């Protein structure tokens, strides 16, 4: 049995008449309206509490921030679709919209079938990605260790530690020693969540508990050293985006 497709939609639109029309289309088209806002800042505060599949965003909004600002924030923090709705179709606006890689761009006044098609496509693509990620998490890799051949789920890996001619693959329940260099094992894993933070260490982003000026602390309560000559800055940026600690700019 497959997971149910998420059809939750949030609207960011400052025109009351347009908001009402969009809500009507959503409900009649089989989608679930979960909220709306007329300001990008307000939407940004509400979205973390909602399981949203698609956000419909007007480019020009009330307040100091526009829809493109909001879309950029969403792209860094959430896995959901973005559909722009605007009355402005200049090349300059299109170029800015393009940088956020939206699932759709619809001109006002919008056409109901066109909007519904864009929504269905965005929800379907999101659902497929979730299923692919789920299948990937369930698929172990096979590695030769000092103790024989082992099957390891890379999503369970906490960190990697280089020790001479071997690399220790650390999980919460076991340590698997694999012959090779750290770069070679990282290539073998081909795991985007793994960040090299030191000459001898790489860490799974999802297993980081905290970090300070001297080390990274993982969920197994171990402290790992880091060096800024590696990918530590990339890791901290990822953490900041994930925790939504970035202030409004």
Protein backbone atom coordinates (compact mmCIF):
# COMPACT_ATOMS: atom_id res chain seq x y z
CA UNK A 1 0.00 0.00 0.00
CA UNK A 2 1.46 3.38 -1.02
CA UNK A 3 1.38 6.54 1.07
CA UNK A 4 -1.53 8.86 0.40
CA UNK A 5 -0.75 11.82 -1.81
CA UNK A 6 -0.59 15.14 0.04
CA UNK A 7 -2.98 17.73 -1.45
CA UNK A 8 -2.66 20.49 1.15
CA UNK A 9 -2.40 23.95 -0.41
CA UNK A 10 -1.52 27.29 1.18
CA UNK A 11 -2.29 30.61 -0.55
CA UNK A 12 -0.26 33.84 -0.35
CA UNK A 13 -2.33 36.52 -2.08
CA UNK A 14 -3.17 40.09 -1.04
CA UNK A 15 -6.37 40.44 -3.10
CA UNK A 16 -9.42 39.18 -1.19
CA UNK A 17 -11.42 38.44 -4.35
CA UNK A 18 -8.59 36.39 -5.82
CA UNK A 19 -8.10 34.48 -2.55
CA UNK A 20 -11.79 33.57 -2.48
CA UNK A 21 -11.67 32.39 -6.10
CA UNK A 22 -8.58 30.27 -5.43
CA UNK A 23 -10.15 28.66 -2.36
CA UNK A 24 -13.23 27.77 -4.40
CA UNK A 25 -11.11 26.16 -7.13
CA UNK A 26 -9.15 24.16 -4.56
CA UNK A 27 -12.21 22.77 -2.82
CA UNK A 28 -14.02 21.92 -6.06
CA UNK A 29 -10.87 20.36 -7.49
CA UNK A 30 -10.28 17.92 -4.64
CA UNK A 31 -7.51 19.84 -2.87
CA UNK A 32 -7.41 20.84 0.79
CA UNK A 33 -7.12 24.53 1.64
CA UNK A 34 -4.99 24.78 4.81
CA UNK A 35 -4.44 28.52 5.16
CA UNK A 36 -3.71 31.85 3.54
CA UNK A 37 -1.97 35.16 4.09
CA UNK A 38 -1.71 38.53 2.39
CA UNK A 39 1.92 39.03 3.50
CA UNK A 40 5.05 37.01 2.83
CA UNK A 41 6.34 37.49 6.39
CA UNK A 42 3.13 36.13 7.94
CA UNK A 43 3.12 33.16 5.58
CA UNK A 44 6.72 32.34 6.50
CA UNK A 45 5.76 32.17 10.18
CA UNK A 46 2.72 29.94 9.55
CA UNK A 47 4.14 27.44 7.04
CA UNK A 48 6.35 25.46 9.49
CA UNK A 49 3.24 24.28 11.36
CA UNK A 50 1.48 23.03 8.22
CA UNK A 51 2.06 19.92 6.15
CA UNK A 52 1.89 21.77 2.84
CA UNK A 53 2.25 20.16 -0.57
CA UNK A 54 1.97 23.34 -2.66
CA UNK A 55 2.16 27.06 -1.94
CA UNK A 56 0.45 29.42 -4.40
CA UNK A 57 2.27 32.75 -4.25
CA UNK A 58 1.49 36.14 -5.74
CA UNK A 59 4.68 38.00 -6.69
CA UNK A 60 3.63 41.42 -5.42
CA UNK A 61 2.26 41.43 -1.88
CA UNK A 62 1.48 43.78 0.97
CA UNK A 63 4.38 44.44 3.32
CA UNK A 64 8.10 44.85 2.78
CA UNK A 65 8.74 41.36 1.33
CA UNK A 66 7.52 40.04 -2.01
CA UNK A 67 6.58 36.55 -3.17
CA UNK A 68 10.02 35.85 -4.63
CA UNK A 69 11.60 36.45 -1.20
CA UNK A 70 9.17 33.95 0.29
CA UNK A 71 9.81 31.37 -2.44
CA UNK A 72 13.56 31.58 -1.83
CA UNK A 73 13.00 30.98 1.90
CA UNK A 74 10.70 28.03 1.19
CA UNK A 75 13.19 26.42 -1.20
CA UNK A 76 15.87 26.44 1.52
CA UNK A 77 13.66 24.95 4.23
CA UNK A 78 10.71 22.93 2.92
CA UNK A 79 10.07 20.16 0.45
CA UNK A 80 6.96 21.47 -1.28
CA UNK A 81 5.84 22.81 -4.63
CA UNK A 82 5.62 26.50 -5.54
CA UNK A 83 3.20 27.97 -8.07
CA UNK A 84 3.46 31.68 -8.84
CA UNK A 85 0.35 33.69 -9.64
CA UNK A 86 0.87 37.23 -10.92
CA UNK A 87 -0.44 39.94 -13.20
CA UNK A 88 3.07 40.98 -14.20
CA UNK A 89 4.85 39.13 -17.00
CA UNK A 90 7.94 41.24 -17.66
CA UNK A 91 11.21 39.50 -18.47
CA UNK A 92 12.78 40.90 -15.30
CA UNK A 93 10.06 39.30 -13.15
CA UNK A 94 10.31 36.02 -15.05
CA UNK A 95 14.08 35.93 -14.54
CA UNK A 96 13.65 36.38 -10.78
CA UNK A 97 10.95 33.72 -10.62
CA UNK A 98 13.13 31.30 -12.58
CA UNK A 99 15.83 31.38 -9.89
CA UNK A 100 13.40 29.79 -7.38
CA UNK A 101 12.65 26.85 -9.73
CA UNK A 102 8.84 26.91 -9.30
CA UNK A 103 6.54 24.10 -10.37
CA UNK A 104 4.31 26.56 -12.20
CA UNK A 105 3.80 30.17 -13.27
CA UNK A 106 0.26 31.36 -14.01
CA UNK A 107 -0.84 34.78 -15.19
CA UNK A 108 -3.86 36.62 -13.79
CA UNK A 109 -6.70 36.35 -14.44
CA UNK A 110 -6.08 32.63 -14.01
CA UNK A 111 -7.82 29.84 -15.87
CA UNK A 112 -9.28 27.15 -13.58
CA UNK A 113 -8.20 24.09 -15.64
CA UNK A 114 -4.68 25.50 -16.01
CA UNK A 115 -4.37 26.08 -12.27
CA UNK A 116 -5.74 22.63 -11.43
CA UNK A 117 -3.33 20.99 -13.87
CA UNK A 118 -0.37 22.80 -12.28
CA UNK A 119 -1.53 21.80 -8.79
CA UNK A 120 -2.03 18.14 -9.74
CA UNK A 121 1.38 17.99 -11.38
CA UNK A 122 3.10 19.61 -8.39
CA UNK A 123 1.41 17.26 -5.89
CA UNK A 124 2.16 14.22 -8.03
CA UNK A 125 5.84 15.13 -8.38
CA UNK A 126 6.16 15.70 -4.63
CA UNK A 127 4.54 12.33 -3.93
CA UNK A 128 6.90 10.55 -6.33
CA UNK A 129 9.94 12.16 -4.69
CA UNK A 130 8.77 11.06 -1.24
CA UNK A 131 8.28 7.49 -2.43
CA UNK A 132 11.72 7.49 -4.07
CA UNK A 133 13.33 8.79 -0.87
CA UNK A 134 11.47 6.20 1.19
CA UNK A 135 12.63 3.40 -1.10
CA UNK A 136 16.21 4.72 -0.97
CA UNK A 137 16.13 4.73 2.84
CA UNK A 138 15.02 1.09 2.83
CA UNK A 139 17.79 0.03 0.44
CA UNK A 140 21.04 -1.03 2.19
CA UNK A 141 24.50 -0.93 0.67
CA UNK A 142 26.83 -3.93 0.78
CA UNK A 143 30.40 -3.33 2.00
CA UNK A 144 33.36 -5.56 2.79
CA UNK A 145 34.61 -4.99 6.32
CA UNK A 146 37.26 -6.53 8.56
CA UNK A 147 34.60 -8.92 9.85
CA UNK A 148 33.24 -9.94 6.46
CA UNK A 149 30.54 -8.61 4.16
CA UNK A 150 27.90 -6.41 5.80
CA UNK A 151 24.70 -4.71 4.70
CA UNK A 152 24.46 -1.12 5.98
CA UNK A 153 21.63 1.37 5.62
CA UNK A 154 23.48 4.61 4.91
CA UNK A 155 20.70 6.67 6.52
CA UNK A 156 21.67 5.02 9.83
CA UNK A 157 25.30 6.16 9.58
CA UNK A 158 26.24 8.72 12.23
CA UNK A 159 29.75 9.56 11.07
CA UNK A 160 32.86 8.27 9.31
CA UNK A 161 36.30 8.20 10.93
CA UNK A 162 39.54 7.54 9.09
CA UNK A 163 41.99 5.25 10.94
CA UNK A 164 45.15 4.49 8.97
CA UNK A 165 44.24 2.31 5.97
CA UNK A 166 40.65 1.87 7.16
CA UNK A 167 37.54 4.00 7.62
CA UNK A 168 35.20 3.29 10.51
CA UNK A 169 31.54 3.57 9.53
CA UNK A 170 29.82 4.44 12.80
CA UNK A 171 26.12 3.72 13.37
CA UNK A 172 24.25 3.95 16.70
CA UNK A 173 24.62 0.18 17.18
CA UNK A 174 27.86 -0.85 15.46
CA UNK A 175 31.18 0.19 13.93
CA UNK A 176 32.11 -1.24 10.52
CA UNK A 177 35.77 -0.96 9.45
CA UNK A 178 36.20 -0.71 5.68
CA UNK A 179 39.57 -0.65 3.94
CA UNK A 180 40.17 2.55 1.99
CA UNK A 181 40.59 6.30 2.24
CA UNK A 182 37.89 8.63 3.51
CA UNK A 183 37.34 10.17 0.06
CA UNK A 184 36.93 6.70 -1.44
CA UNK A 185 34.32 5.67 1.12
CA UNK A 186 32.41 8.93 0.63
CA UNK A 187 32.32 8.21 -3.11
CA UNK A 188 31.18 4.65 -2.40
CA UNK A 189 28.32 5.84 -0.19
CA UNK A 190 27.26 8.59 -2.63
CA UNK A 191 25.21 10.11 0.19
CA UNK A 192 24.29 13.81 -0.05
CA UNK A 193 23.68 14.06 3.72
CA UNK A 194 27.32 13.24 4.48
CA UNK A 195 29.61 16.25 4.98
CA UNK A 196 33.38 16.02 5.34
CA UNK A 197 34.29 18.28 8.26
CA UNK A 198 37.89 17.24 8.98
CA UNK A 199 40.86 15.39 7.50
CA UNK A 200 39.69 12.29 9.37
CA UNK A 201 35.94 12.83 9.82
CA UNK A 202 32.71 13.11 7.84
CA UNK A 203 29.30 13.46 9.50
CA UNK A 204 25.70 12.70 8.55
CA UNK A 205 23.85 16.02 8.66
CA UNK A 206 20.72 14.39 10.08
CA UNK A 207 22.68 13.05 13.06
CA UNK A 208 24.13 16.40 14.19
CA UNK A 209 22.86 17.49 17.58
CA UNK A 210 24.79 20.75 17.96
CA UNK A 211 28.06 22.47 17.16
CA UNK A 212 30.30 25.15 18.69
CA UNK A 213 33.68 26.75 18.05
CA UNK A 214 35.63 23.52 18.58
CA UNK A 215 33.52 20.52 17.63
CA UNK A 216 30.36 18.99 16.17
CA UNK A 217 28.25 16.93 18.57
CA UNK A 218 26.28 14.00 17.14
CA UNK A 219 23.20 12.23 18.50
CA UNK A 220 25.31 9.48 20.05
CA UNK A 221 26.78 12.17 22.38
CA UNK A 222 30.19 12.08 20.70
CA UNK A 223 32.17 15.20 19.83
CA UNK A 224 33.88 15.36 16.43
CA UNK A 225 36.62 17.87 15.56
CA UNK A 226 36.22 20.01 12.49
CA UNK A 227 38.33 22.14 10.19
CA UNK A 228 37.01 25.08 8.18
CA UNK A 229 39.21 24.03 5.28
CA UNK A 230 36.64 21.29 4.61
CA UNK A 231 32.82 21.44 4.29
CA UNK A 232 32.08 22.70 7.80
CA UNK A 233 30.66 26.01 6.56
CA UNK A 234 28.32 24.17 4.18
CA UNK A 235 27.18 21.97 7.06
CA UNK A 236 26.43 24.89 9.38
CA UNK A 237 24.49 26.70 6.66
CA UNK A 238 22.42 23.57 6.11
CA UNK A 239 21.76 23.31 9.85
CA UNK A 240 20.75 26.97 10.10
CA UNK A 241 18.34 26.65 7.19
CA UNK A 242 16.86 23.45 8.56
CA UNK A 243 16.30 24.92 12.01
CA UNK A 244 14.93 28.13 10.45
CA UNK A 245 17.22 30.24 12.59
CA UNK A 246 17.92 32.69 9.81
CA UNK A 247 16.55 36.16 10.58
CA UNK A 248 14.36 38.05 8.12
CA UNK A 249 16.56 40.08 5.84
